[in-house]
Amino acid sequence: MLVLSTNERMILMLINQTDFIATQLQQIVYPNITAITETGASITIQTNQKQRDDPAFWQSISAILKAHLWVPVSKKYHELTDHDWLASPV
């Protein structure tokens, strides 16, 4: 198991955050999700076929919307990620 120092973890976090933006879900209109960024910009999150066909995904997204949680979305394609903000340790 690789153990990273606090500084190494911070660097990995910063590197990984450059590819993602923090968004808060605002509305679900199948198959898209509307969200707002930290700067107040509205974006449409595109869902993929696997997500569209997964009832558990929609239940989870609904719960996230109700809880007003922030989720990472890719900057380039406005897609939800299948991992968290933190980069995976090497």
N, C-alpha and C. Protein backbone atom coordinates (compact mmCIF):
# COMPACT_ATOMS: atom_id res chain seq x y z
N MET A 1 0.84 -1.17 0.00
CA MET A 1 0.00 0.00 0.00
C MET A 1 0.89 1.24 0.00
N LEU A 2 0.59 2.16 -0.89
CA LEU A 2 1.36 3.39 -1.02
C LEU A 2 0.83 4.42 -0.03
N VAL A 3 1.71 5.01 0.74
CA VAL A 3 1.32 6.04 1.70
C VAL A 3 1.86 7.38 1.19
N LEU A 4 0.95 8.33 1.02
CA LEU A 4 1.33 9.65 0.52
C LEU A 4 1.36 10.66 1.65
N SER A 5 2.29 11.59 1.55
CA SER A 5 2.34 12.68 2.53
C SER A 5 1.18 13.63 2.27
N THR A 6 0.95 14.51 3.22
CA THR A 6 -0.11 15.51 3.07
C THR A 6 0.14 16.37 1.84
N ASN A 7 1.38 16.78 1.63
CA ASN A 7 1.70 17.61 0.46
C ASN A 7 1.45 16.86 -0.85
N GLU A 8 1.80 15.59 -0.89
CA GLU A 8 1.57 14.79 -2.10
C GLU A 8 0.08 14.65 -2.37
N ARG A 9 -0.71 14.44 -1.32
CA ARG A 9 -2.17 14.34 -1.50
C ARG A 9 -2.74 15.65 -2.00
N MET A 10 -2.26 16.77 -1.47
CA MET A 10 -2.73 18.09 -1.90
C MET A 10 -2.40 18.32 -3.37
N ILE A 11 -1.21 17.93 -3.80
CA ILE A 11 -0.82 18.09 -5.20
C ILE A 11 -1.72 17.25 -6.09
N LEU A 12 -1.98 16.01 -5.71
CA LEU A 12 -2.87 15.16 -6.50
C LEU A 12 -4.27 15.76 -6.58
N MET A 13 -4.75 16.31 -5.49
CA MET A 13 -6.07 16.94 -5.48
C MET A 13 -6.10 18.11 -6.46
N LEU A 14 -5.08 18.95 -6.42
CA LEU A 14 -5.04 20.11 -7.30
C LEU A 14 -4.95 19.71 -8.76
N ILE A 15 -4.14 18.71 -9.06
CA ILE A 15 -4.02 18.23 -10.44
C ILE A 15 -5.36 17.73 -10.93
N ASN A 16 -6.03 16.92 -10.12
CA ASN A 16 -7.28 16.32 -10.54
C ASN A 16 -8.40 17.36 -10.63
N GLN A 17 -8.38 18.39 -9.80
CA GLN A 17 -9.44 19.38 -9.81
C GLN A 17 -9.41 20.25 -11.06
N THR A 18 -8.30 20.30 -11.76
CA THR A 18 -8.24 21.13 -12.96
C THR A 18 -9.10 20.56 -14.07
N ASP A 19 -9.43 19.28 -14.02
CA ASP A 19 -10.24 18.64 -15.05
C ASP A 19 -11.73 18.67 -14.72
N PHE A 20 -12.08 19.09 -13.51
CA PHE A 20 -13.46 19.01 -13.05
C PHE A 20 -13.93 20.33 -12.47
N ILE A 21 -15.24 20.52 -12.50
CA ILE A 21 -15.84 21.68 -11.85
C ILE A 21 -16.84 21.18 -10.82
N ALA A 22 -17.00 21.96 -9.77
CA ALA A 22 -17.98 21.62 -8.74
C ALA A 22 -19.34 22.12 -9.19
N THR A 23 -20.32 21.26 -9.13
CA THR A 23 -21.67 21.65 -9.53
C THR A 23 -22.68 21.19 -8.49
N GLN A 24 -23.77 21.92 -8.43
CA GLN A 24 -24.88 21.53 -7.57
C GLN A 24 -26.08 21.29 -8.48
N LEU A 25 -26.67 20.12 -8.37
CA LEU A 25 -27.78 19.75 -9.23
C LEU A 25 -28.98 20.65 -8.96
N GLN A 26 -29.66 21.06 -10.04
CA GLN A 26 -30.81 21.96 -9.93
C GLN A 26 -32.10 21.30 -10.40
N GLN A 27 -32.00 20.49 -11.46
CA GLN A 27 -33.21 19.92 -12.05
C GLN A 27 -32.85 18.66 -12.82
N ILE A 28 -33.75 17.69 -12.77
CA ILE A 28 -33.59 16.46 -13.55
C ILE A 28 -34.72 16.40 -14.57
N VAL A 29 -34.34 16.40 -15.84
CA VAL A 29 -35.30 16.23 -16.93
C VAL A 29 -34.70 15.14 -17.82
N TYR A 30 -35.16 13.91 -17.60
CA TYR A 30 -34.59 12.75 -18.30
C TYR A 30 -34.43 13.05 -19.77
N PRO A 31 -33.29 12.80 -20.37
CA PRO A 31 -32.10 12.14 -19.87
C PRO A 31 -31.01 13.10 -19.38
N ASN A 32 -31.34 14.38 -19.23
CA ASN A 32 -30.32 15.36 -18.83
C ASN A 32 -30.54 15.87 -17.42
N ILE A 33 -29.49 16.45 -16.88
CA ILE A 33 -29.51 17.01 -15.53
C ILE A 33 -28.97 18.43 -15.63
N THR A 34 -29.70 19.38 -15.09
CA THR A 34 -29.25 20.76 -15.07
C THR A 34 -28.57 21.02 -13.73
N ALA A 35 -27.44 21.70 -13.80
CA ALA A 35 -26.69 22.01 -12.58
C ALA A 35 -26.17 23.43 -12.66
N ILE A 36 -25.73 23.92 -11.51
CA ILE A 36 -25.14 25.25 -11.44
C ILE A 36 -23.73 25.11 -10.88
N THR A 37 -22.81 25.89 -11.44
CA THR A 37 -21.42 25.82 -10.99
C THR A 37 -21.21 26.77 -9.81
N GLU A 38 -20.02 26.72 -9.23
CA GLU A 38 -19.69 27.62 -8.12
C GLU A 38 -19.73 29.09 -8.53
N THR A 39 -19.55 29.35 -9.81
CA THR A 39 -19.58 30.73 -10.29
C THR A 39 -20.97 31.17 -10.72
N GLY A 40 -21.95 30.26 -10.60
CA GLY A 40 -23.33 30.60 -10.94
C GLY A 40 -23.73 30.27 -12.36
N ALA A 41 -22.84 29.69 -13.13
CA ALA A 41 -23.16 29.32 -14.52
C ALA A 41 -24.02 28.07 -14.53
N SER A 42 -25.01 28.06 -15.40
CA SER A 42 -25.87 26.89 -15.55
C SER A 42 -25.30 25.98 -16.63
N ILE A 43 -25.24 24.69 -16.34
CA ILE A 43 -24.76 23.72 -17.34
C ILE A 43 -25.72 22.55 -17.42
N THR A 44 -25.70 21.87 -18.54
CA THR A 44 -26.48 20.65 -18.72
C THR A 44 -25.52 19.48 -18.67
N ILE A 45 -25.77 18.58 -17.76
CA ILE A 45 -24.94 17.38 -17.62
C ILE A 45 -25.52 16.31 -18.54
N GLN A 46 -24.67 15.80 -19.41
CA GLN A 46 -25.07 14.74 -20.33
C GLN A 46 -24.94 13.39 -19.64
N THR A 47 -25.93 12.55 -19.76
CA THR A 47 -25.85 11.20 -19.21
C THR A 47 -25.52 10.22 -20.33
N ASN A 48 -24.80 9.16 -19.97
CA ASN A 48 -24.48 8.14 -20.98
C ASN A 48 -25.55 7.05 -20.97
N GLN A 49 -25.48 6.14 -21.90
CA GLN A 49 -26.50 5.10 -22.03
C GLN A 49 -26.61 4.23 -20.79
N LYS A 50 -25.47 3.89 -20.21
CA LYS A 50 -25.47 3.06 -19.00
C LYS A 50 -26.22 3.76 -17.87
N GLN A 51 -25.97 5.06 -17.70
CA GLN A 51 -26.67 5.83 -16.67
C GLN A 51 -28.16 5.92 -16.98
N ARG A 52 -28.51 6.15 -18.24
CA ARG A 52 -29.92 6.28 -18.62
C ARG A 52 -30.71 5.01 -18.32
N ASP A 53 -30.06 3.87 -18.45
CA ASP A 53 -30.75 2.59 -18.27
C ASP A 53 -30.72 2.08 -16.83
N ASP A 54 -30.13 2.83 -15.92
CA ASP A 54 -29.92 2.36 -14.55
C ASP A 54 -30.85 3.07 -13.56
N PRO A 55 -31.90 2.39 -13.08
CA PRO A 55 -32.82 3.01 -12.12
C PRO A 55 -32.12 3.45 -10.83
N ALA A 56 -31.11 2.70 -10.40
CA ALA A 56 -30.37 3.07 -9.18
C ALA A 56 -29.64 4.39 -9.38
N PHE A 57 -29.14 4.64 -10.58
CA PHE A 57 -28.48 5.91 -10.88
C PHE A 57 -29.45 7.07 -10.67
N TRP A 58 -30.66 6.94 -11.20
CA TRP A 58 -31.64 8.02 -11.10
C TRP A 58 -32.10 8.22 -9.66
N GLN A 59 -32.19 7.15 -8.90
CA GLN A 59 -32.52 7.28 -7.48
C GLN A 59 -31.41 8.03 -6.75
N SER A 60 -30.17 7.69 -7.06
CA SER A 60 -29.03 8.36 -6.43
C SER A 60 -28.97 9.83 -6.80
N ILE A 61 -29.17 10.12 -8.08
CA ILE A 61 -29.14 11.51 -8.55
C ILE A 61 -30.25 12.32 -7.89
N SER A 62 -31.42 11.72 -7.75
CA SER A 62 -32.53 12.41 -7.08
C SER A 62 -32.20 12.71 -5.63
N ALA A 63 -31.56 11.76 -4.95
CA ALA A 63 -31.16 11.97 -3.55
C ALA A 63 -30.10 13.07 -3.44
N ILE A 64 -29.17 13.10 -4.39
CA ILE A 64 -28.13 14.14 -4.40
C ILE A 64 -28.77 15.51 -4.61
N LEU A 65 -29.72 15.59 -5.52
CA LEU A 65 -30.42 16.85 -5.77
C LEU A 65 -31.16 17.32 -4.51
N LYS A 66 -31.88 16.42 -3.87
CA LYS A 66 -32.63 16.76 -2.65
C LYS A 66 -31.71 17.24 -1.53
N ALA A 67 -30.53 16.63 -1.42
CA ALA A 67 -29.59 16.96 -0.35
C ALA A 67 -28.74 18.19 -0.67
N HIS A 68 -28.87 18.73 -1.88
CA HIS A 68 -28.11 19.91 -2.31
C HIS A 68 -26.60 19.67 -2.22
N LEU A 69 -26.17 18.47 -2.57
CA LEU A 69 -24.75 18.14 -2.54
C LEU A 69 -24.05 18.66 -3.79
N TRP A 70 -22.76 18.88 -3.68
CA TRP A 70 -21.94 19.28 -4.82
C TRP A 70 -21.28 18.05 -5.41
N VAL A 71 -21.27 17.97 -6.73
CA VAL A 71 -20.70 16.80 -7.41
C VAL A 71 -19.70 17.26 -8.47
N PRO A 72 -18.67 16.44 -8.73
CA PRO A 72 -17.70 16.80 -9.77
C PRO A 72 -18.24 16.47 -11.16
N VAL A 73 -18.03 17.39 -12.08
CA VAL A 73 -18.43 17.21 -13.48
C VAL A 73 -17.23 17.56 -14.34
N SER A 74 -17.01 16.80 -15.40
CA SER A 74 -15.87 17.09 -16.27
C SER A 74 -16.07 18.44 -16.95
N LYS A 75 -15.00 19.22 -17.00
CA LYS A 75 -15.07 20.55 -17.60
C LYS A 75 -15.37 20.48 -19.09
N LYS A 76 -14.72 19.57 -19.75
CA LYS A 76 -14.79 19.53 -21.22
C LYS A 76 -16.14 19.01 -21.73
N TYR A 77 -16.62 17.90 -21.16
CA TYR A 77 -17.81 17.26 -21.72
C TYR A 77 -19.06 17.39 -20.86
N HIS A 78 -18.93 18.00 -19.66
CA HIS A 78 -20.05 18.14 -18.73
C HIS A 78 -20.69 16.79 -18.43
N GLU A 79 -19.85 15.84 -18.04
CA GLU A 79 -20.32 14.50 -17.67
C GLU A 79 -19.99 14.25 -16.21
N LEU A 80 -20.85 13.50 -15.53
CA LEU A 80 -20.55 13.06 -14.18
C LEU A 80 -19.39 12.09 -14.23
N THR A 81 -18.63 12.04 -13.16
CA THR A 81 -17.51 11.11 -13.11
C THR A 81 -17.89 9.87 -12.32
N ASP A 82 -17.17 8.80 -12.53
CA ASP A 82 -17.44 7.58 -11.77
C ASP A 82 -16.48 7.47 -10.59
N HIS A 83 -15.79 8.56 -10.29
CA HIS A 83 -14.89 8.60 -9.14
C HIS A 83 -15.03 9.96 -8.45
N ASP A 84 -14.31 10.13 -7.38
CA ASP A 84 -14.43 11.34 -6.57
C ASP A 84 -13.47 12.41 -7.06
N TRP A 85 -13.38 13.51 -6.32
CA TRP A 85 -12.51 14.62 -6.66
C TRP A 85 -11.04 14.23 -6.63
N LEU A 86 -10.69 13.33 -5.74
CA LEU A 86 -9.29 13.00 -5.52
C LEU A 86 -8.75 12.08 -6.59
N ALA A 87 -7.54 12.33 -7.01
CA ALA A 87 -6.88 11.43 -7.96
C ALA A 87 -6.56 10.14 -7.25
N SER A 88 -6.60 9.06 -7.98
CA SER A 88 -6.26 7.76 -7.40
C SER A 88 -4.77 7.69 -7.15
N PRO A 89 -4.36 7.19 -5.98
CA PRO A 89 -2.93 7.03 -5.73
C PRO A 89 -2.31 6.07 -6.74
N VAL A 90 -1.07 6.35 -7.09
CA VAL A 90 -0.37 5.52 -8.07
C VAL A 90 0.15 4.27 -7.41
